[in-house]
PDB file of all heavy atoms in Angstrom:
ATOM      1  N   ILE A   1       0.839  -1.186   0.002  1.00  0.00           N
ATOM      2  CA  ILE A   1      -0.011  -0.008  -0.011  1.00  0.00           C
ATOM      3  C   ILE A   1       0.865   1.247   0.000  1.00  0.00           C
ATOM      4  O   ILE A   1       0.651   2.181  -0.767  1.00  0.00           O
ATOM      5  CB  ILE A   1      -0.939  -0.014   1.213  1.00  0.00           C
ATOM      6  CG1 ILE A   1      -1.976  -1.124   1.102  1.00  0.00           C
ATOM      7  CG2 ILE A   1      -1.662   1.342   1.350  1.00  0.00           C
ATOM      8  CD1 ILE A   1      -2.908  -1.227   2.285  1.00  0.00           C
ATOM      9  N   VAL A   2       1.870   1.253   0.863  1.00  0.00           N
ATOM     10  CA  VAL A   2       2.753   2.410   0.963  1.00  0.00           C
ATOM     11  C   VAL A   2       3.548   2.612  -0.320  1.00  0.00           C
ATOM     12  O   VAL A   2       3.679   3.728  -0.840  1.00  0.00           O
ATOM     13  CB  VAL A   2       3.701   2.233   2.155  1.00  0.00           C
ATOM     14  CG1 VAL A   2       4.696   3.384   2.210  1.00  0.00           C
ATOM     15  CG2 VAL A   2       2.920   2.185   3.447  1.00  0.00           C
ATOM     16  N   LEU A   3       4.035   1.530  -0.888  1.00  0.00           N
ATOM     17  CA  LEU A   3       4.839   1.642  -2.126  1.00  0.00           C
ATOM     18  C   LEU A   3       4.006   2.166  -3.281  1.00  0.00           C
ATOM     19  O   LEU A   3       4.537   2.949  -4.107  1.00  0.00           O
ATOM     20  CB  LEU A   3       5.417   0.266  -2.503  1.00  0.00           C
ATOM     21  CG  LEU A   3       6.551  -0.260  -1.615  1.00  0.00           C
ATOM     22  CD1 LEU A   3       6.923  -1.669  -1.999  1.00  0.00           C
ATOM     23  CD2 LEU A   3       7.761   0.670  -1.716  1.00  0.00           C
ATOM     24  N   VAL A   4       2.754   1.774  -3.372  1.00  0.00           N
ATOM     25  CA  VAL A   4       1.923   2.224  -4.474  1.00  0.00           C
ATOM     26  C   VAL A   4       1.805   3.756  -4.497  1.00  0.00           C
ATOM     27  O   VAL A   4       1.839   4.386  -5.564  1.00  0.00           O
ATOM     28  CB  VAL A   4       0.532   1.564  -4.378  1.00  0.00           C
ATOM     29  CG1 VAL A   4      -0.482   2.320  -5.264  1.00  0.00           C
ATOM     30  CG2 VAL A   4       0.597   0.121  -4.810  1.00  0.00           C
ATOM     31  N   PHE A   5       1.702   4.352  -3.299  1.00  0.00           N
ATOM     32  CA  PHE A   5       1.490   5.798  -3.257  1.00  0.00           C
ATOM     33  C   PHE A   5       2.782   6.596  -3.031  1.00  0.00           C
ATOM     34  O   PHE A   5       2.958   7.663  -3.587  1.00  0.00           O
ATOM     35  CB  PHE A   5       0.496   6.138  -2.129  1.00  0.00           C
ATOM     36  CG  PHE A   5      -0.900   5.646  -2.415  1.00  0.00           C
ATOM     37  CD1 PHE A   5      -1.396   4.523  -1.786  1.00  0.00           C
ATOM     38  CD2 PHE A   5      -1.719   6.318  -3.296  1.00  0.00           C
ATOM     39  CE1 PHE A   5      -2.680   4.073  -2.044  1.00  0.00           C
ATOM     40  CE2 PHE A   5      -3.001   5.883  -3.559  1.00  0.00           C
ATOM     41  CZ  PHE A   5      -3.495   4.738  -2.935  1.00  0.00           C
ATOM     42  N   SER A   6       3.673   6.094  -2.182  1.00  0.00           N
ATOM     43  CA  SER A   6       4.831   6.901  -1.772  1.00  0.00           C
ATOM     44  C   SER A   6       5.950   6.928  -2.787  1.00  0.00           C
ATOM     45  O   SER A   6       6.825   7.782  -2.723  1.00  0.00           O
ATOM     46  CB  SER A   6       5.349   6.426  -0.439  1.00  0.00           C
ATOM     47  OG  SER A   6       5.864   5.099  -0.541  1.00  0.00           O
ATOM     48  N   THR A   7       5.997   5.962  -3.705  1.00  0.00           N
ATOM     49  CA  THR A   7       7.093   5.936  -4.689  1.00  0.00           C
ATOM     50  C   THR A   7       6.692   6.521  -6.025  1.00  0.00           C
ATOM     51  O   THR A   7       7.446   6.450  -6.984  1.00  0.00           O
ATOM     52  CB  THR A   7       7.575   4.494  -4.901  1.00  0.00           C
ATOM     53  OG1 THR A   7       6.497   3.679  -5.378  1.00  0.00           O
ATOM     54  CG2 THR A   7       8.114   3.913  -3.602  1.00  0.00           C
ATOM     55  N   ALA A   8       5.519   7.115  -6.084  1.00  0.00           N
ATOM     56  CA  ALA A   8       5.085   7.746  -7.354  1.00  0.00           C
ATOM     57  C   ALA A   8       5.721   9.119  -7.516  1.00  0.00           C
ATOM     58  O   ALA A   8       6.077   9.766  -6.537  1.00  0.00           O
ATOM     59  CB  ALA A   8       3.566   7.880  -7.374  1.00  0.00           C
ATOM     60  N   ASP A   9       5.862   9.544  -8.746  1.00  0.00           N
ATOM     61  CA  ASP A   9       6.308  10.917  -9.041  1.00  0.00           C
ATOM     62  C   ASP A   9       5.060  11.781  -9.083  1.00  0.00           C
ATOM     63  O   ASP A   9       4.300  11.748 -10.069  1.00  0.00           O
ATOM     64  CB  ASP A   9       7.035  10.949 -10.390  1.00  0.00           C
ATOM     65  CG  ASP A   9       7.560  12.351 -10.730  1.00  0.00           C
ATOM     66  OD1 ASP A   9       7.281  13.277  -9.925  1.00  0.00           O
ATOM     67  OD2 ASP A   9       8.227  12.498 -11.765  1.00  0.00           O
ATOM     68  N   PRO A  10       4.777  12.553  -8.028  1.00  0.00           N
ATOM     69  CA  PRO A  10       3.520  13.258  -7.952  1.00  0.00           C
ATOM     70  C   PRO A  10       3.339  14.312  -9.042  1.00  0.00           C
ATOM     71  O   PRO A  10       2.203  14.751  -9.302  1.00  0.00           O
ATOM     72  CB  PRO A  10       3.550  13.935  -6.568  1.00  0.00           C
ATOM     73  CG  PRO A  10       4.993  13.986  -6.220  1.00  0.00           C
ATOM     74  CD  PRO A  10       5.628  12.802  -6.873  1.00  0.00           C
ATOM     75  N   SER A  11       4.422  14.738  -9.694  1.00  0.00           N
ATOM     76  CA  SER A  11       4.285  15.699 -10.785  1.00  0.00           C
ATOM     77  C   SER A  11       3.714  15.056 -12.042  1.00  0.00           C
ATOM     78  O   SER A  11       3.266  15.787 -12.946  1.00  0.00           O
ATOM     79  CB  SER A  11       5.637  16.348 -11.079  1.00  0.00           C
ATOM     80  OG  SER A  11       6.552  15.379 -11.563  1.00  0.00           O
ATOM     81  N   LYS A  12       3.698  13.723 -12.096  1.00  0.00           N
ATOM     82  CA  LYS A  12       3.257  13.064 -13.324  1.00  0.00           C
ATOM     83  C   LYS A  12       2.165  12.034 -13.078  1.00  0.00           C
ATOM     84  O   LYS A  12       1.431  11.685 -13.982  1.00  0.00           O
ATOM     85  CB  LYS A  12       4.448  12.339 -13.982  1.00  0.00           C
ATOM     86  CG  LYS A  12       5.603  13.298 -14.366  1.00  0.00           C
ATOM     87  CD  LYS A  12       6.752  12.518 -14.925  1.00  0.00           C
ATOM     88  CE  LYS A  12       7.917  13.451 -15.309  1.00  0.00           C
ATOM     89  NZ  LYS A  12       9.096  12.692 -15.828  1.00  0.00           N
ATOM     90  N   GLN A  13       2.076  11.498 -11.856  1.00  0.00           N
ATOM     91  CA  GLN A  13       1.185  10.355 -11.631  1.00  0.00           C
ATOM     92  C   GLN A  13       0.694  10.339 -10.204  1.00  0.00           C
ATOM     93  O   GLN A  13       1.293  10.946  -9.307  1.00  0.00           O
ATOM     94  CB  GLN A  13       1.918   9.042 -11.940  1.00  0.00           C
ATOM     95  CG  GLN A  13       3.205   8.910 -11.141  1.00  0.00           C
ATOM     96  CD  GLN A  13       4.104   7.790 -11.621  1.00  0.00           C
ATOM     97  OE1 GLN A  13       5.208   7.653 -11.132  1.00  0.00           O
ATOM     98  NE2 GLN A  13       3.690   7.007 -12.593  1.00  0.00           N
ATOM     99  N   LEU A  14      -0.466   9.672 -10.009  1.00  0.00           N
ATOM    100  CA  LEU A  14      -1.019   9.525  -8.653  1.00  0.00           C
ATOM    101  C   LEU A  14      -0.448   8.289  -7.943  1.00  0.00           C
ATOM    102  O   LEU A  14      -0.154   8.330  -6.763  1.00  0.00           O
ATOM    103  CB  LEU A  14      -2.548   9.412  -8.740  1.00  0.00           C
ATOM    104  CG  LEU A  14      -3.285   9.159  -7.440  1.00  0.00           C
ATOM    105  CD1 LEU A  14      -3.016  10.268  -6.437  1.00  0.00           C
ATOM    106  CD2 LEU A  14      -4.777   8.999  -7.667  1.00  0.00           C
ATOM    107  N   VAL A  15      -0.278   7.209  -8.692  1.00  0.00           N
ATOM    108  CA  VAL A  15       0.289   5.997  -8.145  1.00  0.00           C
ATOM    109  C   VAL A  15       1.572   5.662  -8.879  1.00  0.00           C
ATOM    110  O   VAL A  15       1.806   6.147  -9.983  1.00  0.00           O
ATOM    111  CB  VAL A  15      -0.705   4.831  -8.222  1.00  0.00           C
ATOM    112  CG1 VAL A  15      -1.923   5.089  -7.370  1.00  0.00           C
ATOM    113  CG2 VAL A  15      -1.115   4.562  -9.672  1.00  0.00           C
ATOM    114  N   ALA A  16       2.392   4.843  -8.265  1.00  0.00           N
ATOM    115  CA  ALA A  16       3.703   4.520  -8.829  1.00  0.00           C
ATOM    116  C   ALA A  16       3.553   3.722 -10.127  1.00  0.00           C
ATOM    117  O   ALA A  16       2.557   3.016 -10.352  1.00  0.00           O
ATOM    118  CB  ALA A  16       4.539   3.746  -7.830  1.00  0.00           C
ATOM    119  N   SER A  17       4.571   3.836 -10.980  1.00  0.00           N
ATOM    120  CA  SER A  17       4.559   3.091 -12.229  1.00  0.00           C
ATOM    121  C   SER A  17       4.643   1.589 -11.998  1.00  0.00           C
ATOM    122  O   SER A  17       4.332   0.804 -12.852  1.00  0.00           O
ATOM    123  CB  SER A  17       5.705   3.524 -13.119  1.00  0.00           C
ATOM    124  OG  SER A  17       6.952   3.438 -12.426  1.00  0.00           O
ATOM    125  N   SER A  18       5.113   1.226 -10.779  1.00  0.00           N
ATOM    126  CA  SER A  18       5.217  -0.187 -10.434  1.00  0.00           C
ATOM    127  C   SER A  18       3.894  -0.766  -9.911  1.00  0.00           C
ATOM    128  O   SER A  18       3.840  -1.951  -9.542  1.00  0.00           O
ATOM    129  CB  SER A  18       6.294  -0.411  -9.369  1.00  0.00           C
ATOM    130  OG  SER A  18       5.962   0.325  -8.196  1.00  0.00           O
ATOM    131  N   THR A  19       2.825   0.031  -9.920  1.00  0.00           N
ATOM    132  CA  THR A  19       1.535  -0.400  -9.364  1.00  0.00           C
ATOM    133  C   THR A  19       1.030  -1.675 -10.028  1.00  0.00           C
ATOM    134  O   THR A  19       0.510  -2.574  -9.344  1.00  0.00           O
ATOM    135  CB  THR A  19       0.509   0.704  -9.487  1.00  0.00           C
ATOM    136  OG1 THR A  19       0.950   1.844  -8.706  1.00  0.00           O
ATOM    137  CG2 THR A  19      -0.845   0.280  -8.980  1.00  0.00           C
ATOM    138  N   PRO A  20       1.130  -1.852 -11.376  1.00  0.00           N
ATOM    139  CA  PRO A  20       0.638  -3.110 -11.957  1.00  0.00           C
ATOM    140  C   PRO A  20       1.294  -4.342 -11.405  1.00  0.00           C
ATOM    141  O   PRO A  20       0.727  -5.443 -11.477  1.00  0.00           O
ATOM    142  CB  PRO A  20       0.954  -2.923 -13.450  1.00  0.00           C
ATOM    143  CG  PRO A  20       0.978  -1.450 -13.665  1.00  0.00           C
ATOM    144  CD  PRO A  20       1.540  -0.856 -12.395  1.00  0.00           C
ATOM    145  N   ILE A  21       2.473  -4.204 -10.826  1.00  0.00           N
ATOM    146  CA  ILE A  21       3.170  -5.346 -10.205  1.00  0.00           C
ATOM    147  C   ILE A  21       2.924  -5.368  -8.717  1.00  0.00           C
ATOM    148  O   ILE A  21       2.596  -6.409  -8.147  1.00  0.00           O
ATOM    149  CB  ILE A  21       4.699  -5.286 -10.497  1.00  0.00           C
ATOM    150  CG1 ILE A  21       4.922  -5.352 -12.024  1.00  0.00           C
ATOM    151  CG2 ILE A  21       5.408  -6.406  -9.795  1.00  0.00           C
ATOM    152  CD1 ILE A  21       6.380  -5.192 -12.412  1.00  0.00           C
ATOM    153  N   VAL A  22       3.079  -4.187  -8.067  1.00  0.00           N
ATOM    154  CA  VAL A  22       3.004  -4.139  -6.598  1.00  0.00           C
ATOM    155  C   VAL A  22       1.579  -4.402  -6.114  1.00  0.00           C
ATOM    156  O   VAL A  22       1.366  -5.111  -5.134  1.00  0.00           O
ATOM    157  CB  VAL A  22       3.503  -2.788  -6.096  1.00  0.00           C
ATOM    158  CG1 VAL A  22       3.334  -2.665  -4.581  1.00  0.00           C
ATOM    159  CG2 VAL A  22       4.981  -2.594  -6.460  1.00  0.00           C
ATOM    160  N   ALA A  23       0.572  -3.826  -6.791  1.00  0.00           N
ATOM    161  CA  ALA A  23      -0.803  -3.973  -6.311  1.00  0.00           C
ATOM    162  C   ALA A  23      -1.273  -5.432  -6.346  1.00  0.00           C
ATOM    163  O   ALA A  23      -1.817  -5.910  -5.337  1.00  0.00           O
ATOM    164  CB  ALA A  23      -1.730  -3.107  -7.178  1.00  0.00           C
ATOM    165  N   PRO A  24      -1.054  -6.189  -7.426  1.00  0.00           N
ATOM    166  CA  PRO A  24      -1.424  -7.614  -7.361  1.00  0.00           C
ATOM    167  C   PRO A  24      -0.681  -8.380  -6.277  1.00  0.00           C
ATOM    168  O   PRO A  24      -1.222  -9.283  -5.655  1.00  0.00           O
ATOM    169  CB  PRO A  24      -1.058  -8.129  -8.773  1.00  0.00           C
ATOM    170  CG  PRO A  24      -1.118  -6.925  -9.627  1.00  0.00           C
ATOM    171  CD  PRO A  24      -0.627  -5.798  -8.781  1.00  0.00           C
ATOM    172  N   LEU A  25       0.606  -8.007  -6.053  1.00  0.00           N
ATOM    173  CA  LEU A  25       1.359  -8.673  -4.981  1.00  0.00           C
ATOM    174  C   LEU A  25       0.736  -8.391  -3.629  1.00  0.00           C
ATOM    175  O   LEU A  25       0.638  -9.280  -2.760  1.00  0.00           O
ATOM    176  CB  LEU A  25       2.814  -8.211  -5.016  1.00  0.00           C
ATOM    177  CG  LEU A  25       3.686  -8.722  -6.162  1.00  0.00           C
ATOM    178  CD1 LEU A  25       5.065  -8.097  -6.093  1.00  0.00           C
ATOM    179  CD2 LEU A  25       3.784 -10.234  -6.116  1.00  0.00           C
ATOM    180  N   GLY A  26       0.285  -7.145  -3.429  1.00  0.00           N
ATOM    181  CA  GLY A  26      -0.377  -6.805  -2.171  1.00  0.00           C
ATOM    182  C   GLY A  26      -1.679  -7.553  -2.001  1.00  0.00           C
ATOM    183  O   GLY A  26      -1.960  -8.058  -0.890  1.00  0.00           O
ATOM    184  N   VAL A  27      -2.473  -7.634  -3.053  1.00  0.00           N
ATOM    185  CA  VAL A  27      -3.736  -8.373  -2.981  1.00  0.00           C
ATOM    186  C   VAL A  27      -3.468  -9.846  -2.694  1.00  0.00           C
ATOM    187  O   VAL A  27      -4.151 -10.474  -1.885  1.00  0.00           O
ATOM    188  CB  VAL A  27      -4.541  -8.189  -4.273  1.00  0.00           C
ATOM    189  CG1 VAL A  27      -5.768  -9.090  -4.267  1.00  0.00           C
ATOM    190  CG2 VAL A  27      -4.960  -6.731  -4.450  1.00  0.00           C
ATOM    191  N   ALA A  28      -2.446 -10.396  -3.357  1.00  0.00           N
ATOM    192  CA  ALA A  28      -2.115 -11.797  -3.137  1.00  0.00           C
ATOM    193  C   ALA A  28      -1.660 -12.029  -1.698  1.00  0.00           C
ATOM    194  O   ALA A  28      -2.038 -13.020  -1.078  1.00  0.00           O
ATOM    195  CB  ALA A  28      -1.004 -12.213  -4.118  1.00  0.00           C
ATOM    196  N   ALA A  29      -0.864 -11.098  -1.169  1.00  0.00           N
ATOM    197  CA  ALA A  29      -0.411 -11.240   0.229  1.00  0.00           C
ATOM    198  C   ALA A  29      -1.609 -11.209   1.176  1.00  0.00           C
ATOM    199  O   ALA A  29      -1.651 -11.966   2.151  1.00  0.00           O
ATOM    200  CB  ALA A  29       0.584 -10.134   0.551  1.00  0.00           C
ATOM    201  N   LEU A  30      -2.590 -10.342   0.902  1.00  0.00           N
ATOM    202  CA  LEU A  30      -3.773 -10.268   1.750  1.00  0.00           C
ATOM    203  C   LEU A  30      -4.578 -11.554   1.669  1.00  0.00           C
ATOM    204  O   LEU A  30      -5.078 -12.080   2.697  1.00  0.00           O
ATOM    205  CB  LEU A  30      -4.617  -9.055   1.334  1.00  0.00           C
ATOM    206  CG  LEU A  30      -5.896  -8.855   2.151  1.00  0.00           C
ATOM    207  CD1 LEU A  30      -5.568  -8.603   3.644  1.00  0.00           C
ATOM    208  CD2 LEU A  30      -6.705  -7.685   1.592  1.00  0.00           C
ATOM    209  N   VAL A  31      -4.777 -12.056   0.451  1.00  0.00           N
ATOM    210  CA  VAL A  31      -5.543 -13.313   0.294  1.00  0.00           C
ATOM    211  C   VAL A  31      -4.871 -14.473   1.008  1.00  0.00           C
ATOM    212  O   VAL A  31      -5.522 -15.236   1.755  1.00  0.00           O
ATOM    213  CB  VAL A  31      -5.751 -13.634  -1.196  1.00  0.00           C
ATOM    214  CG1 VAL A  31      -6.354 -15.019  -1.389  1.00  0.00           C
ATOM    215  CG2 VAL A  31      -6.603 -12.553  -1.861  1.00  0.00           C
ATOM    216  N   VAL A  32      -3.546 -14.584   0.812  1.00  0.00           N
ATOM    217  CA  VAL A  32      -2.805 -15.649   1.467  1.00  0.00           C
ATOM    218  C   VAL A  32      -2.861 -15.492   2.985  1.00  0.00           C
ATOM    219  O   VAL A  32      -2.951 -16.454   3.751  1.00  0.00           O
ATOM    220  CB  VAL A  32      -1.350 -15.703   0.971  1.00  0.00           C
ATOM    221  CG1 VAL A  32      -0.550 -16.762   1.715  1.00  0.00           C
ATOM    222  CG2 VAL A  32      -1.324 -16.023  -0.521  1.00  0.00           C
ATOM    223  N   PHE A  33      -2.784 -14.228   3.461  1.00  0.00           N
ATOM    224  CA  PHE A  33      -2.893 -13.966   4.897  1.00  0.00           C
ATOM    225  C   PHE A  33      -4.216 -14.457   5.451  1.00  0.00           C
ATOM    226  O   PHE A  33      -4.236 -15.123   6.489  1.00  0.00           O
ATOM    227  CB  PHE A  33      -2.733 -12.449   5.146  1.00  0.00           C
ATOM    228  CG  PHE A  33      -3.020 -12.034   6.559  1.00  0.00           C
ATOM    229  CD1 PHE A  33      -2.107 -12.278   7.555  1.00  0.00           C
ATOM    230  CD2 PHE A  33      -4.239 -11.432   6.875  1.00  0.00           C
ATOM    231  CE1 PHE A  33      -2.381 -11.897   8.887  1.00  0.00           C
ATOM    232  CE2 PHE A  33      -4.524 -11.054   8.164  1.00  0.00           C
ATOM    233  CZ  PHE A  33      -3.586 -11.286   9.179  1.00  0.00           C
TER     234      PHE A  33
END
């Protein structure tokens, strides 16, 4: 969650460019949890 928002370049984007990778990983971690 933190990586999706805190590593973005706010002058160009709301969420980080790595969101397509990081977000599914976060969802997967939550499901496995």
